[in-house]
Amino acid sequence: MKTSACSLLALTSLLSLTTAAPLAGAQAPPGSIAAVRCIGATDDPSDEYTIDIIVGAGPQTVTHAVDPYRLSISRVNYDHGAYACTFYGVDEATAPPVEANGQLGPPQTVTAIACDHSWAGDKRDAAPDADHADLPYIEMQLLGATDGYWLQVQLDGSPTPTYNDLSISTVQFDWLHNYCQFNGVDGTANLQYGDLGSGTLGPPQTIVSVACIAEVET
């Protein structure tokens, strides 16, 4: 009986610690959901579906139950002011789908979707915040002549793919104490820092991936 009581007490303590401890790598509060509507080429209601994506949880598979007919998606609709979503398709290796103003191209079956909180609004024009140097990742906005997109990059030096063909000439960011390398289709693009929170990327080109590390204070 004494052994059983001790075992029960140990199990209760372990469960209590497991419940209280946050999951490693969690970046978004639980219950944060982005409703993403994926629309095919026609206006037929049966040619679309809506999927709930957990924000900050990485790519989530579009299951057969959600998209049983494996629709070819050409438009997407979600709250762009609150979220920034990345779409992965069946042609990911050769022609990954890229979203621009709700249009998804080239049209294809979407296999997975990842959403993060968008920094549009107050954060877009805010001065860099040195406190963000303590985060395991940074966010930046890559801008072309007429459009742009948001990218979240881990601070471990590993390249983060952009999956976007837009030619980039400007980068807006909210960090100061980090170093990033921009890898483009024409080679490495150099970032020339301008005003606080922005820089010019040259030569302008499609950015394939971005790798960042935290600057070490000496």
N, C-alpha and C. Protein backbone atom coordinates (compact mmCIF):
# COMPACT_ATOMS: atom_id res chain seq x y z
N MET A 1 0.83 -1.20 0.00
CA MET A 1 0.00 0.00 0.00
C MET A 1 0.86 1.25 0.00
N LYS A 2 1.97 1.18 0.76
CA LYS A 2 2.87 2.34 0.84
C LYS A 2 3.49 2.61 -0.52
N THR A 3 3.91 1.52 -1.22
CA THR A 3 4.52 1.67 -2.54
C THR A 3 3.51 2.25 -3.52
N SER A 4 2.28 1.78 -3.48
CA SER A 4 1.25 2.30 -4.38
C SER A 4 0.97 3.75 -4.12
N ALA A 5 0.95 4.16 -2.86
CA ALA A 5 0.70 5.55 -2.52
C ALA A 5 1.81 6.45 -3.04
N CYS A 6 3.07 5.97 -2.88
CA CYS A 6 4.21 6.76 -3.38
C CYS A 6 4.16 6.88 -4.89
N SER A 7 3.81 5.77 -5.57
CA SER A 7 3.73 5.80 -7.03
C SER A 7 2.66 6.76 -7.50
N LEU A 8 1.51 6.74 -6.80
CA LEU A 8 0.41 7.63 -7.16
C LEU A 8 0.80 9.08 -6.96
N LEU A 9 1.53 9.36 -5.87
CA LEU A 9 1.98 10.72 -5.58
C LEU A 9 2.96 11.20 -6.65
N ALA A 10 3.89 10.32 -7.07
CA ALA A 10 4.86 10.68 -8.10
C ALA A 10 4.17 10.94 -9.43
N LEU A 11 3.19 10.09 -9.76
CA LEU A 11 2.46 10.27 -11.03
C LEU A 11 1.68 11.57 -11.02
N THR A 12 1.05 11.89 -9.87
CA THR A 12 0.29 13.13 -9.75
C THR A 12 1.19 14.34 -9.92
N SER A 13 2.40 14.29 -9.33
CA SER A 13 3.36 15.39 -9.45
C SER A 13 3.81 15.56 -10.88
N LEU A 14 4.07 14.43 -11.57
CA LEU A 14 4.52 14.48 -12.96
C LEU A 14 3.47 15.08 -13.85
N LEU A 15 2.20 14.67 -13.67
CA LEU A 15 1.12 15.21 -14.47
C LEU A 15 0.95 16.69 -14.22
N SER A 16 1.14 17.11 -12.96
CA SER A 16 1.01 18.52 -12.63
C SER A 16 2.07 19.34 -13.32
N LEU A 17 3.32 18.84 -13.36
CA LEU A 17 4.41 19.55 -14.03
C LEU A 17 4.19 19.59 -15.52
N THR A 18 3.71 18.47 -16.08
CA THR A 18 3.48 18.41 -17.53
C THR A 18 2.42 19.40 -17.94
N THR A 19 1.36 19.52 -17.12
CA THR A 19 0.27 20.43 -17.45
C THR A 19 0.72 21.88 -17.35
N ALA A 20 1.56 22.18 -16.36
CA ALA A 20 1.95 23.56 -16.11
C ALA A 20 3.01 24.04 -17.08
N ALA A 21 3.88 23.14 -17.56
CA ALA A 21 5.00 23.56 -18.40
C ALA A 21 4.53 23.86 -19.81
N PRO A 22 4.98 24.97 -20.42
CA PRO A 22 4.60 25.28 -21.80
C PRO A 22 5.31 24.36 -22.77
N LEU A 23 4.72 24.11 -23.90
CA LEU A 23 5.33 23.28 -24.93
C LEU A 23 6.51 24.01 -25.54
N ALA A 24 7.62 23.30 -25.73
CA ALA A 24 8.81 23.92 -26.32
C ALA A 24 8.51 24.36 -27.74
N GLY A 25 8.96 25.54 -28.07
CA GLY A 25 8.81 26.04 -29.43
C GLY A 25 7.49 26.69 -29.72
N ALA A 26 6.56 26.72 -28.76
CA ALA A 26 5.26 27.35 -29.00
C ALA A 26 5.45 28.84 -29.22
N GLN A 27 4.83 29.39 -30.27
CA GLN A 27 5.01 30.79 -30.62
C GLN A 27 3.70 31.56 -30.60
N ALA A 28 2.58 30.88 -30.49
CA ALA A 28 1.30 31.57 -30.53
C ALA A 28 0.42 31.04 -29.41
N PRO A 29 -0.43 31.88 -28.83
CA PRO A 29 -1.31 31.41 -27.77
C PRO A 29 -2.28 30.38 -28.30
N PRO A 30 -2.62 29.35 -27.49
CA PRO A 30 -3.56 28.33 -27.96
C PRO A 30 -4.91 28.94 -28.27
N GLY A 31 -5.58 28.36 -29.27
CA GLY A 31 -6.91 28.83 -29.63
C GLY A 31 -6.93 29.94 -30.65
N SER A 32 -5.76 30.39 -31.11
CA SER A 32 -5.71 31.43 -32.13
C SER A 32 -5.89 30.77 -33.50
N ILE A 33 -6.98 31.08 -34.17
CA ILE A 33 -7.37 30.38 -35.39
C ILE A 33 -7.56 31.36 -36.54
N ALA A 34 -7.01 31.02 -37.70
CA ALA A 34 -7.26 31.78 -38.93
C ALA A 34 -8.16 30.95 -39.84
N ALA A 35 -9.32 31.47 -40.18
CA ALA A 35 -10.23 30.79 -41.10
C ALA A 35 -9.84 31.15 -42.53
N VAL A 36 -9.38 30.17 -43.29
CA VAL A 36 -8.89 30.40 -44.65
C VAL A 36 -9.86 29.77 -45.65
N ARG A 37 -10.39 30.59 -46.53
CA ARG A 37 -11.32 30.12 -47.57
C ARG A 37 -10.54 29.92 -48.87
N CYS A 38 -10.58 28.72 -49.41
CA CYS A 38 -9.87 28.38 -50.65
C CYS A 38 -10.90 28.18 -51.76
N ILE A 39 -10.73 28.91 -52.86
CA ILE A 39 -11.74 28.99 -53.91
C ILE A 39 -11.16 28.52 -55.24
N GLY A 40 -11.93 27.72 -55.96
CA GLY A 40 -11.51 27.23 -57.27
C GLY A 40 -11.79 28.24 -58.37
N ALA A 41 -11.71 27.78 -59.60
CA ALA A 41 -11.82 28.67 -60.75
C ALA A 41 -13.24 29.14 -61.02
N THR A 42 -14.23 28.40 -60.55
CA THR A 42 -15.62 28.76 -60.81
C THR A 42 -16.25 29.40 -59.57
N ASP A 43 -17.46 29.91 -59.73
CA ASP A 43 -18.20 30.48 -58.61
C ASP A 43 -19.15 29.48 -57.98
N ASP A 44 -19.01 28.21 -58.35
CA ASP A 44 -19.83 27.15 -57.79
C ASP A 44 -19.44 26.95 -56.33
N PRO A 45 -20.38 27.06 -55.37
CA PRO A 45 -20.05 26.88 -53.96
C PRO A 45 -19.40 25.54 -53.64
N SER A 46 -19.65 24.54 -54.49
CA SER A 46 -19.03 23.23 -54.25
C SER A 46 -17.57 23.21 -54.67
N ASP A 47 -17.13 24.29 -55.32
CA ASP A 47 -15.75 24.39 -55.82
C ASP A 47 -14.89 25.20 -54.85
N GLU A 48 -15.17 25.07 -53.57
CA GLU A 48 -14.39 25.79 -52.55
C GLU A 48 -14.52 25.08 -51.21
N TYR A 49 -13.67 25.46 -50.27
CA TYR A 49 -13.75 24.94 -48.90
C TYR A 49 -13.11 25.96 -47.97
N THR A 50 -13.44 25.86 -46.69
CA THR A 50 -12.85 26.71 -45.66
C THR A 50 -12.18 25.83 -44.62
N ILE A 51 -10.97 26.18 -44.24
CA ILE A 51 -10.21 25.40 -43.28
C ILE A 51 -9.72 26.31 -42.15
N ASP A 52 -9.77 25.82 -40.92
CA ASP A 52 -9.28 26.56 -39.76
C ASP A 52 -7.81 26.20 -39.52
N ILE A 53 -6.94 27.21 -39.52
CA ILE A 53 -5.51 27.02 -39.35
C ILE A 53 -5.08 27.57 -38.00
N ILE A 54 -4.38 26.76 -37.22
CA ILE A 54 -3.85 27.22 -35.93
C ILE A 54 -2.68 28.16 -36.19
N VAL A 55 -2.78 29.38 -35.72
CA VAL A 55 -1.77 30.41 -35.99
C VAL A 55 -0.49 30.10 -35.22
N GLY A 56 0.64 30.15 -35.95
CA GLY A 56 1.95 29.94 -35.34
C GLY A 56 2.35 28.50 -35.18
N ALA A 57 1.57 27.55 -35.70
CA ALA A 57 1.84 26.13 -35.51
C ALA A 57 2.57 25.51 -36.70
N GLY A 58 2.94 26.32 -37.70
CA GLY A 58 3.63 25.80 -38.87
C GLY A 58 2.66 25.25 -39.90
N PRO A 59 3.18 24.63 -40.97
CA PRO A 59 2.30 24.11 -42.03
C PRO A 59 1.37 23.02 -41.51
N GLN A 60 0.08 23.14 -41.87
CA GLN A 60 -0.92 22.15 -41.48
C GLN A 60 -1.56 21.56 -42.73
N THR A 61 -1.66 20.26 -42.76
CA THR A 61 -2.10 19.54 -43.95
C THR A 61 -3.57 19.80 -44.25
N VAL A 62 -3.87 20.00 -45.54
CA VAL A 62 -5.25 20.05 -46.00
C VAL A 62 -5.67 18.60 -46.24
N THR A 63 -6.46 18.06 -45.35
CA THR A 63 -6.79 16.64 -45.38
C THR A 63 -7.83 16.33 -46.45
N HIS A 64 -7.97 15.04 -46.71
CA HIS A 64 -8.97 14.58 -47.69
C HIS A 64 -10.37 14.92 -47.21
N ALA A 65 -10.58 14.93 -45.90
CA ALA A 65 -11.90 15.26 -45.37
C ALA A 65 -12.27 16.71 -45.67
N VAL A 66 -11.29 17.60 -45.69
CA VAL A 66 -11.53 19.02 -45.97
C VAL A 66 -11.67 19.25 -47.47
N ASP A 67 -10.82 18.61 -48.26
CA ASP A 67 -10.81 18.80 -49.72
C ASP A 67 -10.85 17.44 -50.41
N PRO A 68 -12.01 16.76 -50.40
CA PRO A 68 -12.09 15.40 -50.94
C PRO A 68 -11.87 15.33 -52.45
N TYR A 69 -12.14 16.42 -53.16
CA TYR A 69 -12.02 16.39 -54.62
C TYR A 69 -10.68 16.97 -55.10
N ARG A 70 -9.80 17.33 -54.16
CA ARG A 70 -8.47 17.87 -54.49
C ARG A 70 -8.60 19.00 -55.50
N LEU A 71 -9.35 20.02 -55.12
CA LEU A 71 -9.67 21.14 -56.01
C LEU A 71 -8.42 21.92 -56.40
N SER A 72 -8.44 22.45 -57.61
CA SER A 72 -7.40 23.37 -58.05
C SER A 72 -7.79 24.77 -57.58
N ILE A 73 -6.99 25.35 -56.67
CA ILE A 73 -7.33 26.61 -56.02
C ILE A 73 -6.64 27.78 -56.72
N SER A 74 -7.44 28.82 -57.01
CA SER A 74 -6.90 30.01 -57.66
C SER A 74 -7.08 31.28 -56.84
N ARG A 75 -7.95 31.22 -55.81
CA ARG A 75 -8.18 32.39 -54.95
C ARG A 75 -8.25 31.95 -53.50
N VAL A 76 -7.81 32.82 -52.61
CA VAL A 76 -7.90 32.55 -51.17
C VAL A 76 -8.42 33.80 -50.48
N ASN A 77 -9.14 33.57 -49.39
CA ASN A 77 -9.72 34.69 -48.66
C ASN A 77 -9.57 34.43 -47.16
N TYR A 78 -8.92 35.37 -46.47
CA TYR A 78 -8.79 35.32 -45.01
C TYR A 78 -8.51 36.74 -44.53
N ASP A 79 -8.42 36.93 -43.24
CA ASP A 79 -8.20 38.27 -42.68
C ASP A 79 -6.73 38.65 -42.83
N HIS A 80 -6.41 39.33 -43.97
CA HIS A 80 -5.02 39.71 -44.24
C HIS A 80 -4.51 40.74 -43.24
N GLY A 81 -5.41 41.47 -42.61
CA GLY A 81 -4.98 42.45 -41.63
C GLY A 81 -4.49 41.81 -40.34
N ALA A 82 -4.95 40.59 -40.06
CA ALA A 82 -4.58 39.91 -38.82
C ALA A 82 -3.56 38.81 -39.03
N TYR A 83 -3.55 38.20 -40.24
CA TYR A 83 -2.71 37.03 -40.45
C TYR A 83 -1.93 37.13 -41.77
N ALA A 84 -0.82 36.42 -41.80
CA ALA A 84 -0.04 36.24 -43.02
C ALA A 84 0.10 34.74 -43.24
N CYS A 85 -0.43 34.24 -44.34
CA CYS A 85 -0.46 32.79 -44.59
C CYS A 85 0.40 32.40 -45.78
N THR A 86 1.00 31.23 -45.69
CA THR A 86 1.80 30.66 -46.76
C THR A 86 1.12 29.38 -47.24
N PHE A 87 1.05 29.20 -48.56
CA PHE A 87 0.35 28.06 -49.14
C PHE A 87 1.35 27.12 -49.82
N TYR A 88 1.12 25.83 -49.64
CA TYR A 88 1.97 24.80 -50.25
C TYR A 88 1.09 23.95 -51.17
N GLY A 89 1.62 23.61 -52.35
CA GLY A 89 0.79 22.91 -53.33
C GLY A 89 1.42 21.64 -53.86
N VAL A 90 0.67 20.95 -54.72
CA VAL A 90 1.14 19.69 -55.30
C VAL A 90 2.32 19.92 -56.23
N ASP A 91 2.46 21.14 -56.75
CA ASP A 91 3.57 21.45 -57.64
C ASP A 91 4.68 22.22 -56.91
N GLU A 92 4.79 21.99 -55.60
CA GLU A 92 5.71 22.74 -54.75
C GLU A 92 7.15 22.71 -55.27
N ALA A 93 7.58 21.55 -55.78
CA ALA A 93 8.97 21.41 -56.20
C ALA A 93 9.29 22.21 -57.45
N THR A 94 8.31 22.38 -58.34
CA THR A 94 8.58 23.05 -59.62
C THR A 94 7.90 24.40 -59.75
N ALA A 95 6.71 24.55 -59.17
CA ALA A 95 5.95 25.81 -59.30
C ALA A 95 5.14 26.04 -58.04
N PRO A 96 5.80 26.42 -56.92
CA PRO A 96 5.07 26.61 -55.66
C PRO A 96 4.04 27.73 -55.79
N PRO A 97 2.87 27.55 -55.17
CA PRO A 97 1.83 28.58 -55.27
C PRO A 97 2.22 29.84 -54.51
N VAL A 98 1.97 31.00 -55.11
CA VAL A 98 2.30 32.29 -54.51
C VAL A 98 1.04 33.13 -54.45
N GLU A 99 0.74 33.71 -53.30
CA GLU A 99 -0.44 34.55 -53.16
C GLU A 99 -0.10 36.01 -53.38
N ALA A 100 -0.95 36.69 -54.12
CA ALA A 100 -0.82 38.14 -54.33
C ALA A 100 -2.22 38.73 -54.33
N ASN A 101 -2.54 39.47 -53.25
CA ASN A 101 -3.84 40.13 -53.15
C ASN A 101 -5.00 39.16 -53.29
N GLY A 102 -4.88 37.99 -52.68
CA GLY A 102 -5.97 37.03 -52.69
C GLY A 102 -5.96 36.08 -53.88
N GLN A 103 -5.11 36.35 -54.87
CA GLN A 103 -4.99 35.45 -56.02
C GLN A 103 -3.86 34.46 -55.76
N LEU A 104 -4.10 33.19 -56.05
CA LEU A 104 -3.09 32.15 -55.83
C LEU A 104 -2.65 31.60 -57.18
N GLY A 105 -1.36 31.67 -57.43
CA GLY A 105 -0.88 31.21 -58.72
C GLY A 105 0.50 30.58 -58.61
N PRO A 106 0.78 29.62 -59.51
CA PRO A 106 -0.19 29.04 -60.44
C PRO A 106 -1.24 28.22 -59.70
N PRO A 107 -2.51 28.22 -60.22
CA PRO A 107 -3.57 27.45 -59.56
C PRO A 107 -3.18 25.99 -59.43
N GLN A 108 -3.48 25.41 -58.28
CA GLN A 108 -3.15 24.01 -58.04
C GLN A 108 -3.82 23.54 -56.76
N THR A 109 -3.77 22.24 -56.53
CA THR A 109 -4.29 21.68 -55.29
C THR A 109 -3.40 22.10 -54.13
N VAL A 110 -4.00 22.66 -53.10
CA VAL A 110 -3.24 23.10 -51.92
C VAL A 110 -3.11 21.91 -50.97
N THR A 111 -1.88 21.62 -50.57
CA THR A 111 -1.62 20.47 -49.71
C THR A 111 -1.44 20.85 -48.25
N ALA A 112 -1.02 22.10 -47.99
CA ALA A 112 -0.80 22.54 -46.61
C ALA A 112 -0.85 24.06 -46.55
N ILE A 113 -1.15 24.60 -45.37
CA ILE A 113 -1.22 26.04 -45.16
C ILE A 113 -0.59 26.36 -43.81
N ALA A 114 0.19 27.43 -43.76
CA ALA A 114 0.76 27.91 -42.50
C ALA A 114 0.39 29.38 -42.33
N CYS A 115 -0.05 29.76 -41.14
CA CYS A 115 -0.43 31.15 -40.88
C CYS A 115 0.27 31.66 -39.62
N ASP A 116 0.65 32.93 -39.67
CA ASP A 116 1.22 33.60 -38.51
C ASP A 116 0.52 34.93 -38.34
N HIS A 117 0.69 35.55 -37.19
CA HIS A 117 0.11 36.86 -36.97
C HIS A 117 0.78 37.88 -37.89
N SER A 118 -0.02 38.69 -38.57
CA SER A 118 0.51 39.72 -39.44
C SER A 118 0.95 40.91 -38.62
N TRP A 119 1.99 41.60 -39.08
CA TRP A 119 2.46 42.81 -38.41
C TRP A 119 2.04 44.04 -39.16
N ALA A 120 1.02 43.91 -40.01
CA ALA A 120 0.50 45.08 -40.71
C ALA A 120 -0.13 46.01 -39.68
N GLY A 121 -0.22 47.29 -40.01
CA GLY A 121 -0.81 48.24 -39.07
C GLY A 121 0.26 48.95 -38.26
N ASP A 122 0.11 48.96 -36.93
CA ASP A 122 1.03 49.70 -36.08
C ASP A 122 2.47 49.25 -36.25
N LYS A 123 2.70 47.94 -36.35
CA LYS A 123 4.07 47.44 -36.42
C LYS A 123 4.76 47.82 -37.72
N ARG A 124 3.98 48.03 -38.79
CA ARG A 124 4.57 48.29 -40.09
C ARG A 124 5.42 49.55 -40.08
N ASP A 125 4.93 50.59 -39.41
CA ASP A 125 5.64 51.86 -39.40
C ASP A 125 6.37 52.12 -38.09
N ALA A 126 6.42 51.12 -37.23
CA ALA A 126 7.06 51.34 -35.94
C ALA A 126 8.57 51.32 -36.07
N ALA A 127 9.24 52.04 -35.19
CA ALA A 127 10.70 52.02 -35.16
C ALA A 127 11.16 50.66 -34.65
N PRO A 128 12.36 50.23 -34.98
CA PRO A 128 12.85 48.94 -34.51
C PRO A 128 12.83 48.85 -32.99
N ASP A 129 12.52 47.68 -32.51
CA ASP A 129 12.43 47.44 -31.07
C ASP A 129 13.57 46.53 -30.66
N ALA A 130 14.50 47.04 -29.89
CA ALA A 130 15.67 46.27 -29.49
C ALA A 130 15.27 45.04 -28.69
N ASP A 131 14.10 45.06 -28.03
CA ASP A 131 13.67 43.92 -27.24
C ASP A 131 13.47 42.68 -28.09
N HIS A 132 13.19 42.87 -29.39
CA HIS A 132 12.92 41.72 -30.26
C HIS A 132 14.18 40.90 -30.50
N ALA A 133 15.34 41.44 -30.11
CA ALA A 133 16.57 40.68 -30.27
C ALA A 133 16.57 39.44 -29.39
N ASP A 134 15.69 39.39 -28.37
CA ASP A 134 15.64 38.25 -27.47
C ASP A 134 14.75 37.14 -28.01
N LEU A 135 13.99 37.37 -29.07
CA LEU A 135 13.11 36.36 -29.63
C LEU A 135 13.90 35.35 -30.45
N PRO A 136 13.39 34.10 -30.57
CA PRO A 136 14.09 33.09 -31.37
C PRO A 136 13.89 33.29 -32.87
N TYR A 137 13.11 34.29 -33.24
CA TYR A 137 12.85 34.57 -34.65
C TYR A 137 12.62 36.07 -34.82
N ILE A 138 12.67 36.52 -36.06
CA ILE A 138 12.34 37.90 -36.39
C ILE A 138 11.38 37.89 -37.57
N GLU A 139 10.65 38.98 -37.75
CA GLU A 139 9.76 39.12 -38.88
C GLU A 139 10.19 40.33 -39.70
N MET A 140 10.04 40.20 -41.01
CA MET A 140 10.40 41.27 -41.92
C MET A 140 9.41 41.31 -43.06
N GLN A 141 9.30 42.47 -43.70
CA GLN A 141 8.46 42.62 -44.87
C GLN A 141 9.36 42.86 -46.07
N LEU A 142 9.24 42.04 -47.09
CA LEU A 142 10.01 42.16 -48.31
C LEU A 142 9.12 42.81 -49.36
N LEU A 143 9.59 43.91 -49.92
CA LEU A 143 8.77 44.73 -50.81
C LEU A 143 9.36 44.83 -52.20
N GLY A 144 8.47 44.71 -53.20
CA GLY A 144 8.84 44.97 -54.58
C GLY A 144 8.30 46.32 -55.03
N ALA A 145 8.18 46.50 -56.31
CA ALA A 145 7.71 47.79 -56.83
C ALA A 145 6.24 48.03 -56.53
N THR A 146 5.44 46.96 -56.55
CA THR A 146 3.99 47.13 -56.39
C THR A 146 3.38 46.24 -55.32
N ASP A 147 4.14 45.31 -54.77
CA ASP A 147 3.58 44.35 -53.83
C ASP A 147 4.66 43.91 -52.84
N GLY A 148 4.29 43.08 -51.89
CA GLY A 148 5.24 42.61 -50.91
C GLY A 148 4.67 41.44 -50.12
N TYR A 149 5.46 40.91 -49.21
CA TYR A 149 5.00 39.81 -48.37
C TYR A 149 5.81 39.81 -47.07
N TRP A 150 5.25 39.12 -46.06
CA TRP A 150 5.89 39.01 -44.76
C TRP A 150 6.59 37.68 -44.63
N LEU A 151 7.71 37.68 -43.90
CA LEU A 151 8.49 36.45 -43.71
C LEU A 151 8.97 36.38 -42.27
N GLN A 152 8.81 35.22 -41.65
CA GLN A 152 9.32 34.97 -40.31
C GLN A 152 10.56 34.10 -40.44
N VAL A 153 11.68 34.55 -39.85
CA VAL A 153 12.97 33.87 -40.01
C VAL A 153 13.52 33.50 -38.64
N GLN A 154 13.90 32.25 -38.47
CA GLN A 154 14.51 31.79 -37.23
C GLN A 154 15.92 32.37 -37.10
N LEU A 155 16.35 32.61 -35.86
CA LEU A 155 17.67 33.19 -35.61
C LEU A 155 18.71 32.11 -35.33
N ASP A 156 18.68 31.04 -36.13
CA ASP A 156 19.64 29.95 -35.93
C ASP A 156 20.56 29.77 -37.12
N GLY A 157 20.49 30.70 -38.08
CA GLY A 157 21.37 30.62 -39.25
C GLY A 157 20.88 29.73 -40.37
N SER A 158 19.78 29.03 -40.15
CA SER A 158 19.26 28.15 -41.19
C SER A 158 18.44 28.96 -42.20
N PRO A 159 18.55 28.64 -43.50
CA PRO A 159 17.81 29.40 -44.51
C PRO A 159 16.31 29.14 -44.44
N THR A 160 15.52 30.20 -44.49
CA THR A 160 14.07 30.11 -44.54
C THR A 160 13.61 30.39 -45.96
N PRO A 161 13.01 29.42 -46.66
CA PRO A 161 12.56 29.66 -48.03
C PRO A 161 11.41 30.65 -48.07
N THR A 162 11.35 31.44 -49.14
CA THR A 162 10.29 32.45 -49.27
C THR A 162 9.09 31.93 -50.05
N TYR A 163 9.31 31.01 -50.99
CA TYR A 163 8.25 30.51 -51.86
C TYR A 163 7.51 31.67 -52.55
N ASN A 164 8.26 32.67 -52.99
CA ASN A 164 7.66 33.84 -53.62
C ASN A 164 8.57 34.33 -54.73
N ASP A 165 8.00 34.56 -55.93
CA ASP A 165 8.77 34.96 -57.10
C ASP A 165 8.90 36.47 -57.26
N LEU A 166 8.33 37.23 -56.33
CA LEU A 166 8.35 38.69 -56.45
C LEU A 166 9.78 39.22 -56.40
N SER A 167 10.10 40.17 -57.28
CA SER A 167 11.42 40.81 -57.27
C SER A 167 11.44 41.84 -56.14
N ILE A 168 12.40 41.69 -55.22
CA ILE A 168 12.45 42.50 -54.00
C ILE A 168 13.54 43.57 -54.10
N SER A 169 13.17 44.79 -53.66
CA SER A 169 14.14 45.89 -53.66
C SER A 169 14.25 46.57 -52.30
N THR A 170 13.27 46.35 -51.41
CA THR A 170 13.26 47.00 -50.11
C THR A 170 12.86 46.01 -49.02
N VAL A 171 13.46 46.17 -47.86
CA VAL A 171 13.12 45.32 -46.71
C VAL A 171 12.76 46.23 -45.54
N GLN A 172 11.63 45.96 -44.90
CA GLN A 172 11.25 46.65 -43.67
C GLN A 172 11.28 45.65 -42.53
N PHE A 173 11.79 46.08 -41.39
CA PHE A 173 11.99 45.17 -40.28
C PHE A 173 11.83 45.90 -38.96
N ASP A 174 11.83 45.14 -37.88
CA ASP A 174 11.67 45.74 -36.56
C ASP A 174 12.79 45.33 -35.63
N TRP A 175 13.95 45.02 -36.20
CA TRP A 175 15.05 44.55 -35.39
C TRP A 175 16.32 45.35 -35.69
N LEU A 176 17.20 45.37 -34.72
CA LEU A 176 18.46 46.09 -34.86
C LEU A 176 19.66 45.17 -34.73
N HIS A 177 19.61 44.27 -33.75
CA HIS A 177 20.81 43.53 -33.38
C HIS A 177 20.81 42.12 -33.96
N ASN A 178 20.60 42.00 -35.25
CA ASN A 178 20.65 40.71 -35.93
C ASN A 178 21.30 40.90 -37.29
N TYR A 179 21.90 39.83 -37.78
CA TYR A 179 22.52 39.84 -39.11
C TYR A 179 21.77 38.87 -40.00
N CYS A 180 21.39 39.31 -41.20
CA CYS A 180 20.65 38.45 -42.13
C CYS A 180 21.32 38.42 -43.50
N GLN A 181 21.27 37.27 -44.12
CA GLN A 181 21.78 37.11 -45.49
C GLN A 181 20.61 36.78 -46.41
N PHE A 182 20.50 37.52 -47.51
CA PHE A 182 19.42 37.35 -48.47
C PHE A 182 19.97 36.63 -49.70
N ASN A 183 19.44 35.44 -49.95
CA ASN A 183 19.90 34.63 -51.07
C ASN A 183 18.90 34.73 -52.22
N GLY A 184 19.36 35.29 -53.35
CA GLY A 184 18.48 35.52 -54.48
C GLY A 184 18.78 34.63 -55.66
N VAL A 185 17.94 34.75 -56.68
CA VAL A 185 18.14 33.94 -57.89
C VAL A 185 19.42 34.33 -58.62
N ASP A 186 19.91 35.56 -58.39
CA ASP A 186 21.14 36.03 -59.03
C ASP A 186 22.32 36.02 -58.07
N GLY A 187 22.17 35.37 -56.92
CA GLY A 187 23.24 35.33 -55.94
C GLY A 187 22.83 36.06 -54.68
N THR A 188 23.81 36.38 -53.85
CA THR A 188 23.53 37.06 -52.60
C THR A 188 23.19 38.52 -52.84
N ALA A 189 22.09 38.99 -52.25
CA ALA A 189 21.68 40.38 -52.36
C ALA A 189 22.13 41.12 -51.09
N ASN A 190 22.69 42.30 -51.25
CA ASN A 190 23.20 43.07 -50.12
C ASN A 190 22.14 44.03 -49.60
N LEU A 191 22.01 44.09 -48.28
CA LEU A 191 21.06 45.01 -47.65
C LEU A 191 21.80 46.26 -47.19
N GLN A 192 21.43 47.41 -47.76
CA GLN A 192 21.98 48.69 -47.35
C GLN A 192 20.99 49.36 -46.41
N TYR A 193 21.40 49.52 -45.15
CA TYR A 193 20.49 50.08 -44.16
C TYR A 193 20.25 51.56 -44.42
N GLY A 194 18.97 51.97 -44.35
CA GLY A 194 18.61 53.36 -44.51
C GLY A 194 18.07 53.90 -43.21
N ASP A 195 16.84 54.41 -43.24
CA ASP A 195 16.20 54.88 -42.02
C ASP A 195 15.95 53.70 -41.09
N LEU A 196 15.72 54.00 -39.82
CA LEU A 196 15.44 52.95 -38.85
C LEU A 196 14.24 52.13 -39.31
N GLY A 197 14.46 50.84 -39.41
CA GLY A 197 13.37 49.95 -39.78
C GLY A 197 13.24 49.67 -41.25
N SER A 198 14.20 50.10 -42.07
CA SER A 198 14.11 49.82 -43.50
C SER A 198 15.51 49.74 -44.11
N GLY A 199 15.58 49.12 -45.28
CA GLY A 199 16.83 49.01 -46.00
C GLY A 199 16.58 48.73 -47.45
N THR A 200 17.57 49.00 -48.28
CA THR A 200 17.48 48.77 -49.72
C THR A 200 18.25 47.50 -50.07
N LEU A 201 17.59 46.63 -50.83
CA LEU A 201 18.19 45.36 -51.21
C LEU A 201 18.68 45.45 -52.66
N GLY A 202 19.94 45.15 -52.86
CA GLY A 202 20.46 45.26 -54.21
C GLY A 202 21.45 44.15 -54.56
N PRO A 203 21.48 43.81 -55.86
CA PRO A 203 20.53 44.27 -56.87
C PRO A 203 19.14 43.66 -56.65
N PRO A 204 18.06 44.39 -57.04
CA PRO A 204 16.71 43.84 -56.88
C PRO A 204 16.58 42.50 -57.58
N GLN A 205 15.94 41.55 -56.93
CA GLN A 205 15.80 40.21 -57.50
C GLN A 205 14.83 39.39 -56.66
N THR A 206 14.44 38.24 -57.19
CA THR A 206 13.63 37.30 -56.43
C THR A 206 14.49 36.70 -55.32
N ILE A 207 13.99 36.77 -54.10
CA ILE A 207 14.72 36.21 -52.96
C ILE A 207 14.26 34.77 -52.74
N VAL A 208 15.20 33.85 -52.77
CA VAL A 208 14.90 32.43 -52.62
C VAL A 208 14.79 32.06 -51.15
N SER A 209 15.70 32.59 -50.32
CA SER A 209 15.68 32.28 -48.90
C SER A 209 16.40 33.37 -48.12
N VAL A 210 16.13 33.40 -46.81
CA VAL A 210 16.78 34.36 -45.92
C VAL A 210 17.29 33.60 -44.71
N ALA A 211 18.53 33.87 -44.31
CA ALA A 211 19.11 33.25 -43.12
C ALA A 211 19.57 34.34 -42.16
N CYS A 212 19.24 34.20 -40.87
CA CYS A 212 19.57 35.23 -39.89
C CYS A 212 20.20 34.61 -38.65
N ILE A 213 21.09 35.38 -38.02
CA ILE A 213 21.65 35.01 -36.73
C ILE A 213 21.59 36.23 -35.82
N ALA A 214 21.49 35.99 -34.52
CA ALA A 214 21.49 37.08 -33.57
C ALA A 214 22.89 37.63 -33.41
N GLU A 215 23.01 38.93 -33.39
CA GLU A 215 24.31 39.55 -33.19
C GLU A 215 24.76 39.34 -31.75
N VAL A 216 25.99 38.87 -31.61
CA VAL A 216 26.55 38.59 -30.29
C VAL A 216 27.24 39.82 -29.76
N GLU A 217 26.80 40.28 -28.59
CA GLU A 217 27.43 41.47 -28.00
C GLU A 217 28.78 41.11 -27.42
N THR A 218 29.78 41.97 -27.66
CA THR A 218 31.13 41.72 -27.15
C THR A 218 31.50 42.78 -26.13
